[in-house]
PDB file of all heavy atoms in Angstrom:
ATOM      1  N   LYS A   1     -52.739 -13.881  -0.304  1.00  0.00           N
ATOM      2  CA  LYS A   1     -54.109 -13.778  -0.960  1.00  0.00           C
ATOM      3  C   LYS A   1     -54.023 -12.904  -2.155  1.00  0.00           C
ATOM      4  O   LYS A   1     -55.015 -12.863  -2.914  1.00  0.00           O
ATOM      5  CB  LYS A   1     -55.110 -13.137   0.050  1.00  0.00           C
ATOM      6  CG  LYS A   1     -54.926 -13.578   1.505  1.00  0.00           C
ATOM      7  CD  LYS A   1     -55.212 -15.188   1.649  1.00  0.00           C
ATOM      8  CE  LYS A   1     -54.653 -15.797   2.867  1.00  0.00           C
ATOM      9  NZ  LYS A   1     -55.139 -15.289   4.020  1.00  0.00           N
ATOM     10  N   PHE A   2     -53.052 -12.142  -2.392  1.00  0.00           N
ATOM     11  CA  PHE A   2     -52.927 -11.142  -3.473  1.00  0.00           C
ATOM     12  C   PHE A   2     -52.101 -11.876  -4.651  1.00  0.00           C
ATOM     13  O   PHE A   2     -52.030 -11.185  -5.633  1.00  0.00           O
ATOM     14  CB  PHE A   2     -52.286  -9.828  -3.097  1.00  0.00           C
ATOM     15  CG  PHE A   2     -53.043  -9.151  -2.049  1.00  0.00           C
ATOM     16  CD1 PHE A   2     -52.660  -9.234  -0.689  1.00  0.00           C
ATOM     17  CD2 PHE A   2     -54.237  -8.508  -2.368  1.00  0.00           C
ATOM     18  CE1 PHE A   2     -53.460  -8.655   0.265  1.00  0.00           C
ATOM     19  CE2 PHE A   2     -54.989  -7.869  -1.349  1.00  0.00           C
ATOM     20  CZ  PHE A   2     -54.590  -7.874   0.011  1.00  0.00           C
ATOM     21  N   ASP A   3     -51.801 -13.018  -4.485  1.00  0.00           N
ATOM     22  CA  ASP A   3     -51.024 -13.875  -5.551  1.00  0.00           C
ATOM     23  C   ASP A   3     -51.952 -14.961  -6.021  1.00  0.00           C
ATOM     24  O   ASP A   3     -52.015 -15.991  -5.247  1.00  0.00           O
ATOM     25  CB  ASP A   3     -49.693 -14.341  -5.008  1.00  0.00           C
ATOM     26  CG  ASP A   3     -48.809 -14.878  -6.096  1.00  0.00           C
ATOM     27  OD1 ASP A   3     -49.454 -15.402  -7.067  1.00  0.00           O
ATOM     28  OD2 ASP A   3     -47.612 -14.941  -6.036  1.00  0.00           O
ATOM     29  N   ASP A   4     -52.624 -14.894  -7.177  1.00  0.00           N
ATOM     30  CA  ASP A   4     -53.633 -15.964  -7.500  1.00  0.00           C
ATOM     31  C   ASP A   4     -53.022 -17.278  -7.589  1.00  0.00           C
ATOM     32  O   ASP A   4     -53.809 -18.342  -7.499  1.00  0.00           O
ATOM     33  CB  ASP A   4     -54.338 -15.546  -8.709  1.00  0.00           C
ATOM     34  CG  ASP A   4     -55.169 -14.246  -8.626  1.00  0.00           C
ATOM     35  OD1 ASP A   4     -55.506 -13.979  -7.477  1.00  0.00           O
ATOM     36  OD2 ASP A   4     -55.485 -13.667  -9.669  1.00  0.00           O
ATOM     37  N   SER A   5     -51.782 -17.421  -7.924  1.00  0.00           N
ATOM     38  CA  SER A   5     -51.049 -18.653  -8.026  1.00  0.00           C
ATOM     39  C   SER A   5     -51.007 -19.398  -6.725  1.00  0.00           C
ATOM     40  O   SER A   5     -50.804 -20.594  -6.740  1.00  0.00           O
ATOM     41  CB  SER A   5     -49.866 -18.648  -8.794  1.00  0.00           C
ATOM     42  OG  SER A   5     -48.913 -17.854  -8.053  1.00  0.00           O
ATOM     43  N   VAL A   6     -51.051 -18.611  -5.599  1.00  0.00           N
ATOM     44  CA  VAL A   6     -50.841 -19.366  -4.351  1.00  0.00           C
ATOM     45  C   VAL A   6     -52.094 -19.851  -3.747  1.00  0.00           C
ATOM     46  O   VAL A   6     -52.199 -20.974  -3.387  1.00  0.00           O
ATOM     47  CB  VAL A   6     -50.112 -18.290  -3.352  1.00  0.00           C
ATOM     48  CG1 VAL A   6     -50.045 -18.908  -1.910  1.00  0.00           C
ATOM     49  CG2 VAL A   6     -48.703 -17.882  -3.826  1.00  0.00           C
ATOM     50  N   TYR A   7     -53.145 -18.967  -3.652  1.00  0.00           N
ATOM     51  CA  TYR A   7     -54.402 -19.296  -3.249  1.00  0.00           C
ATOM     52  C   TYR A   7     -55.509 -19.017  -4.270  1.00  0.00           C
ATOM     53  O   TYR A   7     -55.814 -17.869  -4.584  1.00  0.00           O
ATOM     54  CB  TYR A   7     -54.781 -18.404  -2.032  1.00  0.00           C
ATOM     55  CG  TYR A   7     -54.031 -18.778  -0.784  1.00  0.00           C
ATOM     56  CD1 TYR A   7     -53.220 -17.852  -0.157  1.00  0.00           C
ATOM     57  CD2 TYR A   7     -54.156 -19.993  -0.186  1.00  0.00           C
ATOM     58  CE1 TYR A   7     -52.359 -18.159   0.944  1.00  0.00           C
ATOM     59  CE2 TYR A   7     -53.431 -20.323   0.934  1.00  0.00           C
ATOM     60  CZ  TYR A   7     -52.520 -19.499   1.581  1.00  0.00           C
ATOM     61  OH  TYR A   7     -51.826 -19.762   2.620  1.00  0.00           O
ATOM     62  N   LYS A   8     -56.002 -20.102  -4.814  1.00  0.00           N
ATOM     63  CA  LYS A   8     -57.096 -19.987  -5.828  1.00  0.00           C
ATOM     64  C   LYS A   8     -58.312 -19.298  -5.338  1.00  0.00           C
ATOM     65  O   LYS A   8     -58.960 -18.399  -5.801  1.00  0.00           O
ATOM     66  CB  LYS A   8     -57.540 -21.321  -6.381  1.00  0.00           C
ATOM     67  CG  LYS A   8     -58.468 -21.211  -7.565  1.00  0.00           C
ATOM     68  CD  LYS A   8     -58.841 -22.533  -8.109  1.00  0.00           C
ATOM     69  CE  LYS A   8     -60.016 -22.491  -9.149  1.00  0.00           C
ATOM     70  NZ  LYS A   8     -60.449 -23.724  -9.610  1.00  0.00           N
ATOM     71  N   THR A   9     -58.748 -19.664  -4.035  1.00  0.00           N
ATOM     72  CA  THR A   9     -59.862 -18.959  -3.288  1.00  0.00           C
ATOM     73  C   THR A   9     -59.333 -18.814  -1.993  1.00  0.00           C
ATOM     74  O   THR A   9     -58.388 -19.561  -1.329  1.00  0.00           O
ATOM     75  CB  THR A   9     -61.007 -19.832  -3.308  1.00  0.00           C
ATOM     76  OG1 THR A   9     -60.876 -20.999  -2.533  1.00  0.00           O
ATOM     77  CG2 THR A   9     -61.598 -20.092  -4.682  1.00  0.00           C
ATOM     78  N   SER A  10     -59.910 -17.710  -1.344  1.00  0.00           N
ATOM     79  CA  SER A  10     -59.381 -17.357   0.012  1.00  0.00           C
ATOM     80  C   SER A  10     -60.488 -16.784   0.826  1.00  0.00           C
ATOM     81  O   SER A  10     -61.417 -15.929   0.324  1.00  0.00           O
ATOM     82  CB  SER A  10     -58.185 -16.377  -0.033  1.00  0.00           C
ATOM     83  OG  SER A  10     -58.006 -15.750   1.199  1.00  0.00           O
ATOM     84  N   GLY A  11     -60.694 -17.178   2.140  1.00  0.00           N
ATOM     85  CA  GLY A  11     -61.691 -16.569   2.947  1.00  0.00           C
ATOM     86  C   GLY A  11     -61.099 -15.214   3.599  1.00  0.00           C
ATOM     87  O   GLY A  11     -61.842 -14.333   3.796  1.00  0.00           O
ATOM     88  N   GLY A  12     -59.808 -15.276   4.016  1.00  0.00           N
ATOM     89  CA  GLY A  12     -59.206 -14.080   4.544  1.00  0.00           C
ATOM     90  C   GLY A  12     -58.870 -13.164   3.374  1.00  0.00           C
ATOM     91  O   GLY A  12     -57.702 -12.868   3.128  1.00  0.00           O
ATOM     92  N   LEU A  13     -59.822 -12.569   2.710  1.00  0.00           N
ATOM     93  CA  LEU A  13     -59.726 -11.882   1.426  1.00  0.00           C
ATOM     94  C   LEU A  13     -58.797 -10.660   1.516  1.00  0.00           C
ATOM     95  O   LEU A  13     -57.911 -10.469   0.785  1.00  0.00           O
ATOM     96  CB  LEU A  13     -61.069 -11.406   0.964  1.00  0.00           C
ATOM     97  CG  LEU A  13     -61.010 -10.345  -0.109  1.00  0.00           C
ATOM     98  CD1 LEU A  13     -60.664 -10.986  -1.506  1.00  0.00           C
ATOM     99  CD2 LEU A  13     -62.295  -9.531  -0.173  1.00  0.00           C
ATOM    100  N   HIS A  14     -59.045  -9.825   2.458  1.00  0.00           N
ATOM    101  CA  HIS A  14     -58.343  -8.514   2.484  1.00  0.00           C
ATOM    102  C   HIS A  14     -56.808  -8.537   2.809  1.00  0.00           C
ATOM    103  O   HIS A  14     -56.172  -7.470   2.830  1.00  0.00           O
ATOM    104  CB  HIS A  14     -59.134  -7.578   3.375  1.00  0.00           C
ATOM    105  CG  HIS A  14     -60.485  -7.266   2.892  1.00  0.00           C
ATOM    106  ND1 HIS A  14     -61.492  -8.196   3.122  1.00  0.00           N
ATOM    107  CD2 HIS A  14     -61.058  -6.163   2.300  1.00  0.00           C
ATOM    108  CE1 HIS A  14     -62.671  -7.628   2.659  1.00  0.00           C
ATOM    109  NE2 HIS A  14     -62.381  -6.527   2.130  1.00  0.00           N
ATOM    110  N   GLY A  15     -56.412  -9.654   3.400  1.00  0.00           N
ATOM    111  CA  GLY A  15     -54.900  -9.708   3.644  1.00  0.00           C
ATOM    112  C   GLY A  15     -54.671  -8.948   4.954  1.00  0.00           C
ATOM    113  O   GLY A  15     -53.536  -8.617   5.116  1.00  0.00           O
ATOM    114  N   VAL A  16     -55.661  -8.614   5.720  1.00  0.00           N
ATOM    115  CA  VAL A  16     -55.299  -7.853   6.974  1.00  0.00           C
ATOM    116  C   VAL A  16     -55.459  -8.690   8.145  1.00  0.00           C
ATOM    117  O   VAL A  16     -55.115  -8.107   9.274  1.00  0.00           O
ATOM    118  CB  VAL A  16     -56.350  -6.580   7.023  1.00  0.00           C
ATOM    119  CG1 VAL A  16     -56.304  -5.748   5.823  1.00  0.00           C
ATOM    120  CG2 VAL A  16     -57.746  -7.126   7.382  1.00  0.00           C
ATOM    121  N   GLY A  17     -55.885  -9.886   8.040  1.00  0.00           N
ATOM    122  CA  GLY A  17     -56.061 -10.698   9.349  1.00  0.00           C
ATOM    123  C   GLY A  17     -55.083 -10.736  10.325  1.00  0.00           C
ATOM    124  O   GLY A  17     -55.138 -10.341  11.384  1.00  0.00           O
ATOM    125  N   SER A  18     -53.774 -11.213   9.851  1.00  0.00           N
ATOM    126  CA  SER A  18     -52.744 -11.429  10.750  1.00  0.00           C
ATOM    127  C   SER A  18     -52.170 -10.111  11.376  1.00  0.00           C
ATOM    128  O   SER A  18     -52.035 -10.033  12.501  1.00  0.00           O
ATOM    129  CB  SER A  18     -51.624 -12.172  10.009  1.00  0.00           C
ATOM    130  OG  SER A  18     -51.992 -13.351   9.510  1.00  0.00           O
ATOM    131  N   SER A  19     -52.069  -9.111  10.478  1.00  0.00           N
ATOM    132  CA  SER A  19     -51.633  -7.783  10.938  1.00  0.00           C
ATOM    133  C   SER A  19     -52.594  -7.125  11.984  1.00  0.00           C
ATOM    134  O   SER A  19     -52.085  -6.451  12.900  1.00  0.00           O
ATOM    135  CB  SER A  19     -51.199  -6.892   9.814  1.00  0.00           C
ATOM    136  OG  SER A  19     -52.338  -6.749   8.855  1.00  0.00           O
ATOM    137  N   VAL A  20     -53.939  -7.167  11.658  1.00  0.00           N
ATOM    138  CA  VAL A  20     -54.912  -6.619  12.523  1.00  0.00           C
ATOM    139  C   VAL A  20     -54.829  -7.382  13.809  1.00  0.00           C
ATOM    140  O   VAL A  20     -54.929  -6.623  14.912  1.00  0.00           O
ATOM    141  CB  VAL A  20     -56.254  -6.631  11.893  1.00  0.00           C
ATOM    142  CG1 VAL A  20     -57.335  -6.259  12.936  1.00  0.00           C
ATOM    143  CG2 VAL A  20     -56.231  -5.631  10.731  1.00  0.00           C
ATOM    144  N   VAL A  21     -54.920  -8.615  13.893  1.00  0.00           N
ATOM    145  CA  VAL A  21     -54.916  -9.384  15.116  1.00  0.00           C
ATOM    146  C   VAL A  21     -53.604  -8.906  15.964  1.00  0.00           C
ATOM    147  O   VAL A  21     -53.613  -8.734  17.209  1.00  0.00           O
ATOM    148  CB  VAL A  21     -54.873 -10.835  14.970  1.00  0.00           C
ATOM    149  CG1 VAL A  21     -54.804 -11.614  16.240  1.00  0.00           C
ATOM    150  CG2 VAL A  21     -56.188 -11.304  14.168  1.00  0.00           C
ATOM    151  N   ASN A  22     -52.470  -8.828  15.217  1.00  0.00           N
ATOM    152  CA  ASN A  22     -51.294  -8.393  15.996  1.00  0.00           C
ATOM    153  C   ASN A  22     -51.388  -7.003  16.563  1.00  0.00           C
ATOM    154  O   ASN A  22     -51.039  -6.751  17.656  1.00  0.00           O
ATOM    155  CB  ASN A  22     -50.130  -8.497  14.960  1.00  0.00           C
ATOM    156  CG  ASN A  22     -48.795  -8.261  15.519  1.00  0.00           C
ATOM    157  OD1 ASN A  22     -48.513  -8.366  16.629  1.00  0.00           O
ATOM    158  ND2 ASN A  22     -47.768  -7.807  14.704  1.00  0.00           N
ATOM    159  N   ALA A  23     -51.871  -6.120  15.737  1.00  0.00           N
ATOM    160  CA  ALA A  23     -51.994  -4.661  16.219  1.00  0.00           C
ATOM    161  C   ALA A  23     -52.978  -4.581  17.416  1.00  0.00           C
ATOM    162  O   ALA A  23     -52.764  -3.664  18.189  1.00  0.00           O
ATOM    163  CB  ALA A  23     -52.578  -3.805  15.047  1.00  0.00           C
ATOM    164  N   LEU A  24     -53.919  -5.405  17.537  1.00  0.00           N
ATOM    165  CA  LEU A  24     -54.917  -5.323  18.633  1.00  0.00           C
ATOM    166  C   LEU A  24     -54.649  -6.321  19.690  1.00  0.00           C
ATOM    167  O   LEU A  24     -55.577  -6.535  20.608  1.00  0.00           O
ATOM    168  CB  LEU A  24     -56.314  -5.571  17.968  1.00  0.00           C
ATOM    169  CG  LEU A  24     -56.756  -4.645  16.882  1.00  0.00           C
ATOM    170  CD1 LEU A  24     -58.213  -5.008  16.360  1.00  0.00           C
ATOM    171  CD2 LEU A  24     -56.694  -3.189  17.340  1.00  0.00           C
ATOM    172  N   SER A  25     -53.485  -6.862  19.869  1.00  0.00           N
ATOM    173  CA  SER A  25     -53.148  -7.863  20.810  1.00  0.00           C
ATOM    174  C   SER A  25     -52.041  -7.291  21.733  1.00  0.00           C
ATOM    175  O   SER A  25     -51.186  -6.580  21.262  1.00  0.00           O
ATOM    176  CB  SER A  25     -52.521  -9.141  20.272  1.00  0.00           C
ATOM    177  OG  SER A  25     -53.543  -9.817  19.518  1.00  0.00           O
ATOM    178  N   ALA A  26     -52.205  -7.567  23.046  1.00  0.00           N
ATOM    179  CA  ALA A  26     -51.163  -7.099  24.043  1.00  0.00           C
ATOM    180  C   ALA A  26     -49.854  -7.799  23.676  1.00  0.00           C
ATOM    181  O   ALA A  26     -48.780  -7.174  23.711  1.00  0.00           O
ATOM    182  CB  ALA A  26     -51.566  -7.487  25.470  1.00  0.00           C
ATOM    183  N   TYR A  27     -49.911  -9.094  23.270  1.00  0.00           N
ATOM    184  CA  TYR A  27     -48.769  -9.731  22.633  1.00  0.00           C
ATOM    185  C   TYR A  27     -49.256 -10.805  21.719  1.00  0.00           C
ATOM    186  O   TYR A  27     -50.431 -11.216  21.760  1.00  0.00           O
ATOM    187  CB  TYR A  27     -47.842 -10.393  23.731  1.00  0.00           C
ATOM    188  CG  TYR A  27     -48.556 -11.625  24.411  1.00  0.00           C
ATOM    189  CD1 TYR A  27     -48.462 -12.928  23.678  1.00  0.00           C
ATOM    190  CD2 TYR A  27     -49.026 -11.566  25.633  1.00  0.00           C
ATOM    191  CE1 TYR A  27     -48.930 -13.940  24.257  1.00  0.00           C
ATOM    192  CE2 TYR A  27     -49.553 -12.680  26.152  1.00  0.00           C
ATOM    193  CZ  TYR A  27     -49.495 -13.963  25.544  1.00  0.00           C
ATOM    194  OH  TYR A  27     -50.059 -14.992  26.040  1.00  0.00           O
ATOM    195  N   LEU A  28     -48.411 -11.114  20.629  1.00  0.00           N
ATOM    196  CA  LEU A  28     -48.671 -12.124  19.806  1.00  0.00           C
ATOM    197  C   LEU A  28     -47.459 -12.867  19.571  1.00  0.00           C
ATOM    198  O   LEU A  28     -46.303 -12.327  19.272  1.00  0.00           O
ATOM    199  CB  LEU A  28     -49.179 -11.560  18.496  1.00  0.00           C
ATOM    200  CG  LEU A  28     -49.559 -12.600  17.430  1.00  0.00           C
ATOM    201  CD1 LEU A  28     -50.903 -12.160  16.670  1.00  0.00           C
ATOM    202  CD2 LEU A  28     -48.476 -12.800  16.414  1.00  0.00           C
ATOM    203  N   ASP A  29     -47.418 -14.249  19.643  1.00  0.00           N
ATOM    204  CA  ASP A  29     -46.208 -15.085  19.647  1.00  0.00           C
ATOM    205  C   ASP A  29     -46.455 -16.090  18.398  1.00  0.00           C
ATOM    206  O   ASP A  29     -47.534 -16.731  18.319  1.00  0.00           O
ATOM    207  CB  ASP A  29     -46.084 -15.909  20.854  1.00  0.00           C
ATOM    208  CG  ASP A  29     -44.659 -16.476  21.126  1.00  0.00           C
ATOM    209  OD1 ASP A  29     -44.478 -17.514  20.596  1.00  0.00           O
ATOM    210  OD2 ASP A  29     -43.948 -15.757  21.691  1.00  0.00           O
ATOM    211  N   VAL A  30     -45.439 -16.069  17.555  1.00  0.00           N
ATOM    212  CA  VAL A  30     -45.513 -16.902  16.400  1.00  0.00           C
ATOM    213  C   VAL A  30     -44.394 -18.068  16.353  1.00  0.00           C
ATOM    214  O   VAL A  30     -43.304 -17.659  16.668  1.00  0.00           O
ATOM    215  CB  VAL A  30     -45.430 -16.127  15.122  1.00  0.00           C
ATOM    216  CG1 VAL A  30     -45.678 -16.971  13.899  1.00  0.00           C
ATOM    217  CG2 VAL A  30     -46.281 -14.906  15.067  1.00  0.00           C
ATOM    218  N   GLN A  31     -44.809 -19.187  16.079  1.00  0.00           N
ATOM    219  CA  GLN A  31     -43.855 -20.209  15.838  1.00  0.00           C
ATOM    220  C   GLN A  31     -44.197 -20.884  14.471  1.00  0.00           C
ATOM    221  O   GLN A  31     -45.407 -21.351  14.202  1.00  0.00           O
ATOM    222  CB  GLN A  31     -43.882 -21.348  16.935  1.00  0.00           C
ATOM    223  CG  GLN A  31     -43.270 -20.879  18.208  1.00  0.00           C
ATOM    224  CD  GLN A  31     -43.019 -22.050  19.215  1.00  0.00           C
ATOM    225  OE1 GLN A  31     -42.827 -23.136  18.860  1.00  0.00           O
ATOM    226  NE2 GLN A  31     -42.988 -21.654  20.426  1.00  0.00           N
ATOM    227  N   VAL A  32     -43.165 -20.982  13.520  1.00  0.00           N
ATOM    228  CA  VAL A  32     -43.371 -21.578  12.211  1.00  0.00           C
ATOM    229  C   VAL A  32     -42.513 -22.805  12.048  1.00  0.00           C
ATOM    230  O   VAL A  32     -41.246 -22.690  12.268  1.00  0.00           O
ATOM    231  CB  VAL A  32     -43.103 -20.526  11.136  1.00  0.00           C
ATOM    232  CG1 VAL A  32     -43.142 -21.084   9.758  1.00  0.00           C
ATOM    233  CG2 VAL A  32     -43.967 -19.298  11.278  1.00  0.00           C
ATOM    234  N   ALA A  33     -43.124 -23.983  11.779  1.00  0.00           N
ATOM    235  CA  ALA A  33     -42.341 -25.183  11.433  1.00  0.00           C
ATOM    236  C   ALA A  33     -42.297 -25.270   9.940  1.00  0.00           C
ATOM    237  O   ALA A  33     -43.385 -25.447   9.402  1.00  0.00           O
ATOM    238  CB  ALA A  33     -43.062 -26.376  12.090  1.00  0.00           C
ATOM    239  N   ARG A  34     -40.998 -25.262   9.504  1.00  0.00           N
ATOM    240  CA  ARG A  34     -40.901 -25.155   8.006  1.00  0.00           C
ATOM    241  C   ARG A  34     -39.311 -25.607   7.657  1.00  0.00           C
ATOM    242  O   ARG A  34     -38.502 -25.180   8.358  1.00  0.00           O
ATOM    243  CB  ARG A  34     -41.284 -23.881   7.458  1.00  0.00           C
ATOM    244  CG  ARG A  34     -41.323 -23.715   5.884  1.00  0.00           C
ATOM    245  CD  ARG A  34     -41.772 -22.363   5.607  1.00  0.00           C
ATOM    246  NE  ARG A  34     -41.522 -22.172   4.092  1.00  0.00           N
ATOM    247  CZ  ARG A  34     -42.600 -21.999   3.258  1.00  0.00           C
ATOM    248  NH1 ARG A  34     -43.859 -21.992   3.663  1.00  0.00           N
ATOM    249  NH2 ARG A  34     -42.428 -21.785   1.914  1.00  0.00           N
ATOM    250  N   ASP A  35     -39.264 -26.408   6.589  1.00  0.00           N
ATOM    251  CA  ASP A  35     -38.020 -26.814   6.183  1.00  0.00           C
ATOM    252  C   ASP A  35     -37.035 -27.398   7.209  1.00  0.00           C
ATOM    253  O   ASP A  35     -35.889 -27.247   7.342  1.00  0.00           O
ATOM    254  CB  ASP A  35     -37.213 -25.490   5.665  1.00  0.00           C
ATOM    255  CG  ASP A  35     -37.960 -24.774   4.606  1.00  0.00           C
ATOM    256  OD1 ASP A  35     -38.637 -25.386   3.765  1.00  0.00           O
ATOM    257  OD2 ASP A  35     -37.964 -23.550   4.570  1.00  0.00           O
ATOM    258  N   GLY A  36     -37.764 -28.175   8.106  1.00  0.00           N
ATOM    259  CA  GLY A  36     -37.042 -28.909   9.060  1.00  0.00           C
ATOM    260  C   GLY A  36     -36.680 -28.163  10.359  1.00  0.00           C
ATOM    261  O   GLY A  36     -36.059 -28.609  11.282  1.00  0.00           O
ATOM    262  N   GLN A  37     -37.025 -26.868  10.381  1.00  0.00           N
ATOM    263  CA  GLN A  37     -36.681 -25.948  11.436  1.00  0.00           C
ATOM    264  C   GLN A  37     -37.881 -25.272  12.110  1.00  0.00           C
ATOM    265  O   GLN A  37     -38.971 -25.251  11.462  1.00  0.00           O
ATOM    266  CB  GLN A  37     -35.811 -24.731  10.844  1.00  0.00           C
ATOM    267  CG  GLN A  37     -34.695 -25.134  10.060  1.00  0.00           C
ATOM    268  CD  GLN A  37     -33.374 -25.251  10.687  1.00  0.00           C
ATOM    269  OE1 GLN A  37     -33.318 -25.817  11.698  1.00  0.00           O
ATOM    270  NE2 GLN A  37     -32.340 -24.705  10.137  1.00  0.00           N
TER     271      GLN A  37
END
Protein backbone atom coordinates (compact mmCIF):
# COMPACT_ATOMS: atom_id res chain seq x y z
CA LYS A 1 0.00 0.00 0.00
CA PHE A 2 3.03 2.29 0.44
CA ASP A 3 4.22 1.77 -3.14
CA ASP A 4 1.92 3.74 -5.47
CA SER A 5 2.97 1.74 -8.51
CA VAL A 6 1.62 -1.48 -6.96
CA TYR A 7 -1.78 -0.29 -5.71
CA LYS A 8 -3.29 2.85 -7.26
CA THR A 9 -6.04 2.79 -4.60
CA SER A 10 -6.29 0.74 -1.47
CA GLY A 11 -8.86 0.10 1.25
CA GLY A 12 -6.32 -1.38 3.65
CA LEU A 13 -4.68 2.04 3.80
CA HIS A 14 -2.52 1.87 6.88
CA GLY A 15 -0.72 -1.35 5.99
CA VAL A 16 -1.40 -2.75 9.44
CA GLY A 17 -4.19 -5.21 8.58
CA SER A 18 -2.24 -8.45 8.20
CA SER A 19 0.20 -7.82 11.05
CA VAL A 20 -2.54 -6.68 13.47
CA VAL A 21 -4.71 -9.74 12.73
CA ASN A 22 -1.63 -11.88 13.29
CA ALA A 23 -0.80 -10.17 16.59
CA LEU A 24 -4.37 -10.64 17.90
CA SER A 25 -4.78 -14.29 16.86
CA ALA A 26 -4.03 -17.40 18.88
CA TYR A 27 -2.66 -18.74 15.60
CA LEU A 28 -2.55 -17.61 11.99
CA ASP A 29 -1.79 -19.97 9.11
CA VAL A 30 -0.80 -18.70 5.64
CA GLN A 31 -0.64 -20.52 2.32
CA VAL A 32 0.54 -18.64 -0.78
CA ALA A 33 0.12 -20.07 -4.29
CA ARG A 34 2.60 -18.32 -6.58
CA ASP A 35 5.07 -19.15 -9.34
CA GLY A 36 3.74 -22.73 -9.56
CA GLN A 37 4.50 -23.46 -5.87
